[in-house]
Amino acid sequence: IELGMPFTDPMADGPTIQLAGQRALAGGQTLQKTL
């Protein structure tokens, strides 16, 4: 399982992962929460 860390500018990841990252960040996901 690859667990992606959302970040603010995931241009190379494509629209699906970009939107997932945006939703995660909007929901308050942080590096510390991920770890």
Full PDB file with SEQRES, HELIX, SHEET, SSBOND, CRYST1, ORIGX, SCALE, CONECT and MASTER records, all heavy atoms in Angstrom:
SEQRES   1 A   35  ILE GLU LEU GLY MET PRO PHE THR ASP PRO MET ALA ASP          
SEQRES   2 A   35  GLY PRO THR ILE GLN LEU ALA GLY GLN ARG ALA LEU ALA          
SEQRES   3 A   35  GLY GLY GLN THR LEU GLN LYS THR LEU                          
HELIX    1 AA1 MET A   11  ASP A   13  5                                   3    
HELIX    2 AA2 GLY A   14  ALA A   26  1                                  13    
HELIX    3 AA3 LEU A   31  THR A   34  1                                   4    
CRYST1    1.000    1.000    1.000  90.00  90.00  90.00 P 1           1          
ORIGX1      1.000000  0.000000  0.000000        0.00000                         
ORIGX2      0.000000  1.000000  0.000000        0.00000                         
ORIGX3      0.000000  0.000000  1.000000        0.00000                         
SCALE1      1.000000  0.000000  0.000000        0.00000                         
SCALE2      0.000000  1.000000  0.000000        0.00000                         
SCALE3      0.000000  0.000000  1.000000        0.00000                         
ATOM      1  N   ILE A   1       0.857  -1.183   0.000  1.00  0.00           N  
ATOM      2  CA  ILE A   1       0.000   0.000   0.000  1.00  0.00           C  
ATOM      3  C   ILE A   1       0.893   1.232   0.000  1.00  0.00           C  
ATOM      4  O   ILE A   1       1.736   1.405   0.882  1.00  0.00           O  
ATOM      5  CB  ILE A   1      -0.937   0.042   1.223  1.00  0.00           C  
ATOM      6  CG1 ILE A   1      -1.839  -1.187   1.237  1.00  0.00           C  
ATOM      7  CG2 ILE A   1      -1.762   1.330   1.220  1.00  0.00           C  
ATOM      8  CD1 ILE A   1      -2.653  -1.342   2.513  1.00  0.00           C  
ATOM      9  N   GLU A   2       0.692   2.072  -1.003  1.00  0.00           N  
ATOM     10  CA  GLU A   2       1.399   3.353  -1.058  1.00  0.00           C  
ATOM     11  C   GLU A   2       0.445   4.408  -0.515  1.00  0.00           C  
ATOM     12  O   GLU A   2      -0.642   4.603  -1.050  1.00  0.00           O  
ATOM     13  CB  GLU A   2       1.804   3.688  -2.489  1.00  0.00           C  
ATOM     14  CG  GLU A   2       2.548   4.992  -2.587  1.00  0.00           C  
ATOM     15  CD  GLU A   2       2.926   5.366  -4.013  1.00  0.00           C  
ATOM     16  OE1 GLU A   2       2.673   4.585  -4.941  1.00  0.00           O  
ATOM     17  OE2 GLU A   2       3.468   6.474  -4.177  1.00  0.00           O  
ATOM     18  N   LEU A   3       0.846   5.069   0.535  1.00  0.00           N  
ATOM     19  CA  LEU A   3       0.031   6.096   1.154  1.00  0.00           C  
ATOM     20  C   LEU A   3       0.596   7.453   0.765  1.00  0.00           C  
ATOM     21  O   LEU A   3       1.694   7.824   1.184  1.00  0.00           O  
ATOM     22  CB  LEU A   3       0.024   5.930   2.679  1.00  0.00           C  
ATOM     23  CG  LEU A   3      -0.859   6.869   3.468  1.00  0.00           C  
ATOM     24  CD1 LEU A   3      -2.328   6.693   3.075  1.00  0.00           C  
ATOM     25  CD2 LEU A   3      -0.686   6.614   4.955  1.00  0.00           C  
ATOM     26  N   GLY A   4      -0.136   8.174  -0.065  1.00  0.00           N  
ATOM     27  CA  GLY A   4       0.332   9.456  -0.568  1.00  0.00           C  
ATOM     28  C   GLY A   4       0.096  10.572   0.426  1.00  0.00           C  
ATOM     29  O   GLY A   4      -0.962  10.684   1.028  1.00  0.00           O  
ATOM     30  N   MET A   5       1.110  11.400   0.594  1.00  0.00           N  
ATOM     31  CA  MET A   5       0.995  12.581   1.439  1.00  0.00           C  
ATOM     32  C   MET A   5       0.478  13.726   0.586  1.00  0.00           C  
ATOM     33  O   MET A   5       1.120  14.097  -0.396  1.00  0.00           O  
ATOM     34  CB  MET A   5       2.376  12.916   2.027  1.00  0.00           C  
ATOM     35  CG  MET A   5       2.436  14.185   2.838  1.00  0.00           C  
ATOM     36  SD  MET A   5       1.347  14.130   4.250  1.00  0.00           S  
ATOM     37  CE  MET A   5       0.944  15.853   4.372  1.00  0.00           C  
ATOM     38  N   PRO A   6      -0.687  14.294   0.924  1.00  0.00           N  
ATOM     39  CA  PRO A   6      -1.193  15.411   0.124  1.00  0.00           C  
ATOM     40  C   PRO A   6      -0.312  16.645   0.277  1.00  0.00           C  
ATOM     41  O   PRO A   6       0.213  16.912   1.349  1.00  0.00           O  
ATOM     42  CB  PRO A   6      -2.588  15.660   0.701  1.00  0.00           C  
ATOM     43  CG  PRO A   6      -2.542  15.130   2.088  1.00  0.00           C  
ATOM     44  CD  PRO A   6      -1.559  13.996   2.059  1.00  0.00           C  
ATOM     45  N   PHE A   7      -0.140  17.358  -0.830  1.00  0.00           N  
ATOM     46  CA  PHE A   7       0.618  18.597  -0.784  1.00  0.00           C  
ATOM     47  C   PHE A   7      -0.034  19.595  -1.723  1.00  0.00           C  
ATOM     48  O   PHE A   7      -0.936  19.249  -2.493  1.00  0.00           O  
ATOM     49  CB  PHE A   7       2.108  18.368  -1.095  1.00  0.00           C  
ATOM     50  CG  PHE A   7       2.385  17.730  -2.420  1.00  0.00           C  
ATOM     51  CD1 PHE A   7       2.775  18.501  -3.504  1.00  0.00           C  
ATOM     52  CD2 PHE A   7       2.264  16.368  -2.591  1.00  0.00           C  
ATOM     53  CE1 PHE A   7       3.041  17.920  -4.734  1.00  0.00           C  
ATOM     54  CE2 PHE A   7       2.533  15.774  -3.809  1.00  0.00           C  
ATOM     55  CZ  PHE A   7       2.913  16.554  -4.883  1.00  0.00           C  
ATOM     56  N   THR A   8       0.381  20.815  -1.665  1.00  0.00           N  
ATOM     57  CA  THR A   8      -0.364  21.903  -2.304  1.00  0.00           C  
ATOM     58  C   THR A   8      -0.234  21.997  -3.805  1.00  0.00           C  
ATOM     59  O   THR A   8      -1.070  22.627  -4.442  1.00  0.00           O  
ATOM     60  CB  THR A   8       0.061  23.256  -1.696  1.00  0.00           C  
ATOM     61  OG1 THR A   8       1.474  23.406  -1.862  1.00  0.00           O  
ATOM     62  CG2 THR A   8      -0.305  23.342  -0.237  1.00  0.00           C  
ATOM     63  N   ASP A   9       0.774  21.383  -4.413  1.00  0.00           N  
ATOM     64  CA  ASP A   9       0.972  21.553  -5.848  1.00  0.00           C  
ATOM     65  C   ASP A   9       1.356  20.234  -6.524  1.00  0.00           C  
ATOM     66  O   ASP A   9       2.466  20.086  -7.026  1.00  0.00           O  
ATOM     67  CB  ASP A   9       2.053  22.608  -6.087  1.00  0.00           C  
ATOM     68  CG  ASP A   9       2.127  23.048  -7.540  1.00  0.00           C  
ATOM     69  OD1 ASP A   9       1.133  22.866  -8.269  1.00  0.00           O  
ATOM     70  OD2 ASP A   9       3.180  23.546  -7.944  1.00  0.00           O  
ATOM     71  N   PRO A  10       0.436  19.264  -6.580  1.00  0.00           N  
ATOM     72  CA  PRO A  10       0.759  17.941  -7.123  1.00  0.00           C  
ATOM     73  C   PRO A  10       0.536  17.844  -8.633  1.00  0.00           C  
ATOM     74  O   PRO A  10      -0.118  16.941  -9.125  1.00  0.00           O  
ATOM     75  CB  PRO A  10      -0.232  17.047  -6.372  1.00  0.00           C  
ATOM     76  CG  PRO A  10      -1.438  17.918  -6.235  1.00  0.00           C  
ATOM     77  CD  PRO A  10      -0.898  19.316  -6.018  1.00  0.00           C  
ATOM     78  N   MET A  11       1.076  18.781  -9.395  1.00  0.00           N  
ATOM     79  CA  MET A  11       0.803  18.875 -10.834  1.00  0.00           C  
ATOM     80  C   MET A  11       1.120  17.596 -11.605  1.00  0.00           C  
ATOM     81  O   MET A  11       0.403  17.235 -12.522  1.00  0.00           O  
ATOM     82  CB  MET A  11       1.577  20.048 -11.440  1.00  0.00           C  
ATOM     83  CG  MET A  11       1.120  21.408 -10.907  1.00  0.00           C  
ATOM     84  SD  MET A  11      -0.643  21.705 -11.104  1.00  0.00           S  
ATOM     85  CE  MET A  11      -0.716  21.933 -12.866  1.00  0.00           C  
ATOM     86  N   ALA A  12       2.159  16.892 -11.265  1.00  0.00           N  
ATOM     87  CA  ALA A  12       2.560  15.706 -12.024  1.00  0.00           C  
ATOM     88  C   ALA A  12       1.701  14.485 -11.702  1.00  0.00           C  
ATOM     89  O   ALA A  12       1.788  13.482 -12.391  1.00  0.00           O  
ATOM     90  CB  ALA A  12       4.023  15.395 -11.761  1.00  0.00           C  
ATOM     91  N   ASP A  13       0.859  14.575 -10.680  1.00  0.00           N  
ATOM     92  CA  ASP A  13       0.098  13.402 -10.244  1.00  0.00           C  
ATOM     93  C   ASP A  13      -1.189  13.181 -11.019  1.00  0.00           C  
ATOM     94  O   ASP A  13      -1.812  12.136 -10.875  1.00  0.00           O  
ATOM     95  CB  ASP A  13      -0.224  13.511  -8.752  1.00  0.00           C  
ATOM     96  CG  ASP A  13       1.011  13.304  -7.886  1.00  0.00           C  
ATOM     97  OD1 ASP A  13       1.946  12.644  -8.356  1.00  0.00           O  
ATOM     98  OD2 ASP A  13       1.019  13.798  -6.759  1.00  0.00           O  
ATOM     99  N   GLY A  14      -1.627  14.117 -11.793  1.00  0.00           N  
ATOM    100  CA  GLY A  14      -2.863  13.952 -12.546  1.00  0.00           C  
ATOM    101  C   GLY A  14      -4.067  14.387 -11.750  1.00  0.00           C  
ATOM    102  O   GLY A  14      -4.019  14.559 -10.533  1.00  0.00           O  
ATOM    103  N   PRO A  15      -5.199  14.570 -12.438  1.00  0.00           N  
ATOM    104  CA  PRO A  15      -6.373  15.174 -11.812  1.00  0.00           C  
ATOM    105  C   PRO A  15      -6.977  14.370 -10.665  1.00  0.00           C  
ATOM    106  O   PRO A  15      -7.447  14.952  -9.690  1.00  0.00           O  
ATOM    107  CB  PRO A  15      -7.367  15.321 -12.964  1.00  0.00           C  
ATOM    108  CG  PRO A  15      -6.862  14.453 -14.055  1.00  0.00           C  
ATOM    109  CD  PRO A  15      -5.395  14.317 -13.862  1.00  0.00           C  
ATOM    110  N   THR A  16      -6.975  13.061 -10.737  1.00  0.00           N  
ATOM    111  CA  THR A  16      -7.589  12.265  -9.677  1.00  0.00           C  
ATOM    112  C   THR A  16      -6.837  12.429  -8.364  1.00  0.00           C  
ATOM    113  O   THR A  16      -7.440  12.686  -7.313  1.00  0.00           O  
ATOM    114  CB  THR A  16      -7.640  10.781 -10.082  1.00  0.00           C  
ATOM    115  OG1 THR A  16      -8.404  10.671 -11.289  1.00  0.00           O  
ATOM    116  CG2 THR A  16      -8.279   9.944  -9.004  1.00  0.00           C  
ATOM    117  N   ILE A  17      -5.521  12.292  -8.412  1.00  0.00           N  
ATOM    118  CA  ILE A  17      -4.724  12.432  -7.190  1.00  0.00           C  
ATOM    119  C   ILE A  17      -4.666  13.885  -6.748  1.00  0.00           C  
ATOM    120  O   ILE A  17      -4.650  14.183  -5.551  1.00  0.00           O  
ATOM    121  CB  ILE A  17      -3.325  11.815  -7.380  1.00  0.00           C  
ATOM    122  CG1 ILE A  17      -3.469  10.311  -7.616  1.00  0.00           C  
ATOM    123  CG2 ILE A  17      -2.428  12.084  -6.183  1.00  0.00           C  
ATOM    124  CD1 ILE A  17      -2.192   9.595  -7.965  1.00  0.00           C  
ATOM    125  N   GLN A  18      -4.671  14.820  -7.685  1.00  0.00           N  
ATOM    126  CA  GLN A  18      -4.716  16.241  -7.328  1.00  0.00           C  
ATOM    127  C   GLN A  18      -5.972  16.539  -6.510  1.00  0.00           C  
ATOM    128  O   GLN A  18      -5.906  17.202  -5.470  1.00  0.00           O  
ATOM    129  CB  GLN A  18      -4.710  17.112  -8.579  1.00  0.00           C  
ATOM    130  CG  GLN A  18      -3.400  17.162  -9.302  1.00  0.00           C  
ATOM    131  CD  GLN A  18      -3.489  17.923 -10.619  1.00  0.00           C  
ATOM    132  OE1 GLN A  18      -4.495  18.547 -10.928  1.00  0.00           O  
ATOM    133  NE2 GLN A  18      -2.429  17.853 -11.405  1.00  0.00           N  
ATOM    134  N   LEU A  19      -7.117  16.048  -6.964  1.00  0.00           N  
ATOM    135  CA  LEU A  19      -8.379  16.302  -6.251  1.00  0.00           C  
ATOM    136  C   LEU A  19      -8.388  15.612  -4.887  1.00  0.00           C  
ATOM    137  O   LEU A  19      -8.880  16.177  -3.907  1.00  0.00           O  
ATOM    138  CB  LEU A  19      -9.562  15.847  -7.098  1.00  0.00           C  
ATOM    139  CG  LEU A  19      -9.824  16.691  -8.343  1.00  0.00           C  
ATOM    140  CD1 LEU A  19     -10.883  16.033  -9.229  1.00  0.00           C  
ATOM    141  CD2 LEU A  19     -10.235  18.096  -7.962  1.00  0.00           C  
ATOM    142  N   ALA A  20      -7.838  14.406  -4.822  1.00  0.00           N  
ATOM    143  CA  ALA A  20      -7.756  13.711  -3.534  1.00  0.00           C  
ATOM    144  C   ALA A  20      -6.905  14.511  -2.551  1.00  0.00           C  
ATOM    145  O   ALA A  20      -7.253  14.656  -1.378  1.00  0.00           O  
ATOM    146  CB  ALA A  20      -7.182  12.313  -3.725  1.00  0.00           C  
ATOM    147  N   GLY A  21      -5.787  15.036  -3.029  1.00  0.00           N  
ATOM    148  CA  GLY A  21      -4.925  15.854  -2.176  1.00  0.00           C  
ATOM    149  C   GLY A  21      -5.594  17.125  -1.717  1.00  0.00           C  
ATOM    150  O   GLY A  21      -5.466  17.535  -0.565  1.00  0.00           O  
ATOM    151  N   GLN A  22      -6.332  17.756  -2.609  1.00  0.00           N  
ATOM    152  CA  GLN A  22      -7.056  18.977  -2.247  1.00  0.00           C  
ATOM    153  C   GLN A  22      -8.113  18.697  -1.182  1.00  0.00           C  
ATOM    154  O   GLN A  22      -8.262  19.459  -0.229  1.00  0.00           O  
ATOM    155  CB  GLN A  22      -7.687  19.608  -3.482  1.00  0.00           C  
ATOM    156  CG  GLN A  22      -6.671  20.214  -4.419  1.00  0.00           C  
ATOM    157  CD  GLN A  22      -7.270  20.633  -5.755  1.00  0.00           C  
ATOM    158  OE1 GLN A  22      -8.458  20.459  -6.010  1.00  0.00           O  
ATOM    159  NE2 GLN A  22      -6.434  21.186  -6.625  1.00  0.00           N  
ATOM    160  N   ARG A  23      -8.845  17.576  -1.347  1.00  0.00           N  
ATOM    161  CA  ARG A  23      -9.854  17.215  -0.337  1.00  0.00           C  
ATOM    162  C   ARG A  23      -9.191  16.937   1.004  1.00  0.00           C  
ATOM    163  O   ARG A  23      -9.687  17.365   2.062  1.00  0.00           O  
ATOM    164  CB  ARG A  23     -10.653  15.990  -0.793  1.00  0.00           C  
ATOM    165  CG  ARG A  23     -11.621  16.250  -1.914  1.00  0.00           C  
ATOM    166  CD  ARG A  23     -12.517  15.048  -2.170  1.00  0.00           C  
ATOM    167  NE  ARG A  23     -11.782  13.850  -2.532  1.00  0.00           N  
ATOM    168  CZ  ARG A  23     -11.543  13.453  -3.780  1.00  0.00           C  
ATOM    169  NH1 ARG A  23     -11.978  14.173  -4.811  1.00  0.00           N  
ATOM    170  NH2 ARG A  23     -10.890  12.328  -4.004  1.00  0.00           N  
ATOM    171  N   ALA A  24      -8.068  16.222   0.985  1.00  0.00           N  
ATOM    172  CA  ALA A  24      -7.370  15.892   2.229  1.00  0.00           C  
ATOM    173  C   ALA A  24      -6.863  17.147   2.932  1.00  0.00           C  
ATOM    174  O   ALA A  24      -7.026  17.299   4.146  1.00  0.00           O  
ATOM    175  CB  ALA A  24      -6.211  14.942   1.933  1.00  0.00           C  
ATOM    176  N   LEU A  25      -6.252  18.048   2.167  1.00  0.00           N  
ATOM    177  CA  LEU A  25      -5.747  19.284   2.764  1.00  0.00           C  
ATOM    178  C   LEU A  25      -6.887  20.145   3.307  1.00  0.00           C  
ATOM    179  O   LEU A  25      -6.779  20.719   4.395  1.00  0.00           O  
ATOM    180  CB  LEU A  25      -4.919  20.071   1.753  1.00  0.00           C  
ATOM    181  CG  LEU A  25      -3.588  19.419   1.354  1.00  0.00           C  
ATOM    182  CD1 LEU A  25      -2.967  20.170   0.193  1.00  0.00           C  
ATOM    183  CD2 LEU A  25      -2.642  19.350   2.536  1.00  0.00           C  
ATOM    184  N   ALA A  26      -7.993  20.209   2.559  1.00  0.00           N  
ATOM    185  CA  ALA A  26      -9.150  20.978   3.025  1.00  0.00           C  
ATOM    186  C   ALA A  26      -9.725  20.379   4.309  1.00  0.00           C  
ATOM    187  O   ALA A  26     -10.281  21.095   5.145  1.00  0.00           O  
ATOM    188  CB  ALA A  26     -10.223  21.028   1.937  1.00  0.00           C  
ATOM    189  N   GLY A  27      -9.551  19.067   4.472  1.00  0.00           N  
ATOM    190  CA  GLY A  27     -10.027  18.395   5.679  1.00  0.00           C  
ATOM    191  C   GLY A  27      -9.054  18.459   6.834  1.00  0.00           C  
ATOM    192  O   GLY A  27      -9.303  17.898   7.899  1.00  0.00           O  
ATOM    193  N   GLY A  28      -7.902  19.115   6.633  1.00  0.00           N  
ATOM    194  CA  GLY A  28      -6.953  19.313   7.728  1.00  0.00           C  
ATOM    195  C   GLY A  28      -5.834  18.288   7.807  1.00  0.00           C  
ATOM    196  O   GLY A  28      -5.132  18.224   8.822  1.00  0.00           O  
ATOM    197  N   GLN A  29      -5.626  17.490   6.757  1.00  0.00           N  
ATOM    198  CA  GLN A  29      -4.546  16.503   6.798  1.00  0.00           C  
ATOM    199  C   GLN A  29      -3.190  17.206   6.844  1.00  0.00           C  
ATOM    200  O   GLN A  29      -2.973  18.192   6.161  1.00  0.00           O  
ATOM    201  CB  GLN A  29      -4.619  15.580   5.587  1.00  0.00           C  
ATOM    202  CG  GLN A  29      -3.697  14.387   5.663  1.00  0.00           C  
ATOM    203  CD  GLN A  29      -4.067  13.412   6.766  1.00  0.00           C  
ATOM    204  OE1 GLN A  29      -5.207  13.373   7.206  1.00  0.00           O  
ATOM    205  NE2 GLN A  29      -3.113  12.636   7.222  1.00  0.00           N  
ATOM    206  N   THR A  30      -2.295  16.689   7.677  1.00  0.00           N  
ATOM    207  CA  THR A  30      -0.943  17.237   7.818  1.00  0.00           C  
ATOM    208  C   THR A  30       0.064  16.090   7.748  1.00  0.00           C  
ATOM    209  O   THR A  30      -0.307  14.914   7.842  1.00  0.00           O  
ATOM    210  CB  THR A  30      -0.761  17.949   9.172  1.00  0.00           C  
ATOM    211  OG1 THR A  30      -0.897  16.963  10.225  1.00  0.00           O  
ATOM    212  CG2 THR A  30      -1.781  19.066   9.357  1.00  0.00           C  
ATOM    213  N   LEU A  31       1.323  16.437   7.618  1.00  0.00           N  
ATOM    214  CA  LEU A  31       2.367  15.420   7.636  1.00  0.00           C  
ATOM    215  C   LEU A  31       2.342  14.662   8.956  1.00  0.00           C  
ATOM    216  O   LEU A  31       2.424  13.428   8.976  1.00  0.00           O  
ATOM    217  CB  LEU A  31       3.740  16.059   7.409  1.00  0.00           C  
ATOM    218  CG  LEU A  31       4.932  15.109   7.490  1.00  0.00           C  
ATOM    219  CD1 LEU A  31       4.821  13.982   6.475  1.00  0.00           C  
ATOM    220  CD2 LEU A  31       6.231  15.875   7.310  1.00  0.00           C  
ATOM    221  N   GLN A  32       2.202  15.368  10.062  1.00  0.00           N  
ATOM    222  CA  GLN A  32       2.196  14.701  11.367  1.00  0.00           C  
ATOM    223  C   GLN A  32       1.020  13.739  11.495  1.00  0.00           C  
ATOM    224  O   GLN A  32       1.167  12.626  11.997  1.00  0.00           O  
ATOM    225  CB  GLN A  32       2.174  15.716  12.513  1.00  0.00           C  
ATOM    226  CG  GLN A  32       2.373  15.067  13.879  1.00  0.00           C  
ATOM    227  CD  GLN A  32       3.697  14.317  13.969  1.00  0.00           C  
ATOM    228  OE1 GLN A  32       4.751  14.883  13.754  1.00  0.00           O  
ATOM    229  NE2 GLN A  32       3.644  13.025  14.273  1.00  0.00           N  
ATOM    230  N   LYS A  33      -0.164  14.145  11.044  1.00  0.00           N  
ATOM    231  CA  LYS A  33      -1.326  13.250  11.087  1.00  0.00           C  
ATOM    232  C   LYS A  33      -1.087  12.011  10.236  1.00  0.00           C  
ATOM    233  O   LYS A  33      -1.480  10.905  10.600  1.00  0.00           O  
ATOM    234  CB  LYS A  33      -2.586  13.977  10.614  1.00  0.00           C  
ATOM    235  CG  LYS A  33      -3.118  14.986  11.598  1.00  0.00           C  
ATOM    236  CD  LYS A  33      -4.369  15.653  11.049  1.00  0.00           C  
ATOM    237  CE  LYS A  33      -4.911  16.688  12.004  1.00  0.00           C  
ATOM    238  NZ  LYS A  33      -6.112  17.359  11.472  1.00  0.00           N  
ATOM    239  N   THR A  34      -0.442  12.188   9.101  1.00  0.00           N  
ATOM    240  CA  THR A  34      -0.149  11.058   8.219  1.00  0.00           C  
ATOM    241  C   THR A  34       0.834  10.103   8.892  1.00  0.00           C  
ATOM    242  O   THR A  34       0.620   8.880   8.892  1.00  0.00           O  
ATOM    243  CB  THR A  34       0.412  11.552   6.874  1.00  0.00           C  
ATOM    244  OG1 THR A  34      -0.552  12.413   6.262  1.00  0.00           O  
ATOM    245  CG2 THR A  34       0.718  10.390   5.948  1.00  0.00           C  
ATOM    246  N   LEU A  35       1.896  10.632   9.477  1.00  0.00           N  
ATOM    247  CA  LEU A  35       2.870   9.782  10.159  1.00  0.00           C  
ATOM    248  C   LEU A  35       2.241   9.052  11.340  1.00  0.00           C  
ATOM    249  O   LEU A  35       2.514   7.865  11.566  1.00  0.00           O  
ATOM    250  CB  LEU A  35       4.077  10.610  10.604  1.00  0.00           C  
ATOM    251  CG  LEU A  35       4.899  11.215   9.467  1.00  0.00           C  
ATOM    252  CD1 LEU A  35       5.983  12.133  10.029  1.00  0.00           C  
ATOM    253  CD2 LEU A  35       5.494  10.139   8.580  1.00  0.00           C  
TER     254      LEU A  35                                                      
MASTER        0    0    0    3    0    0    0    6  253    1    0    3          
END                                                                             
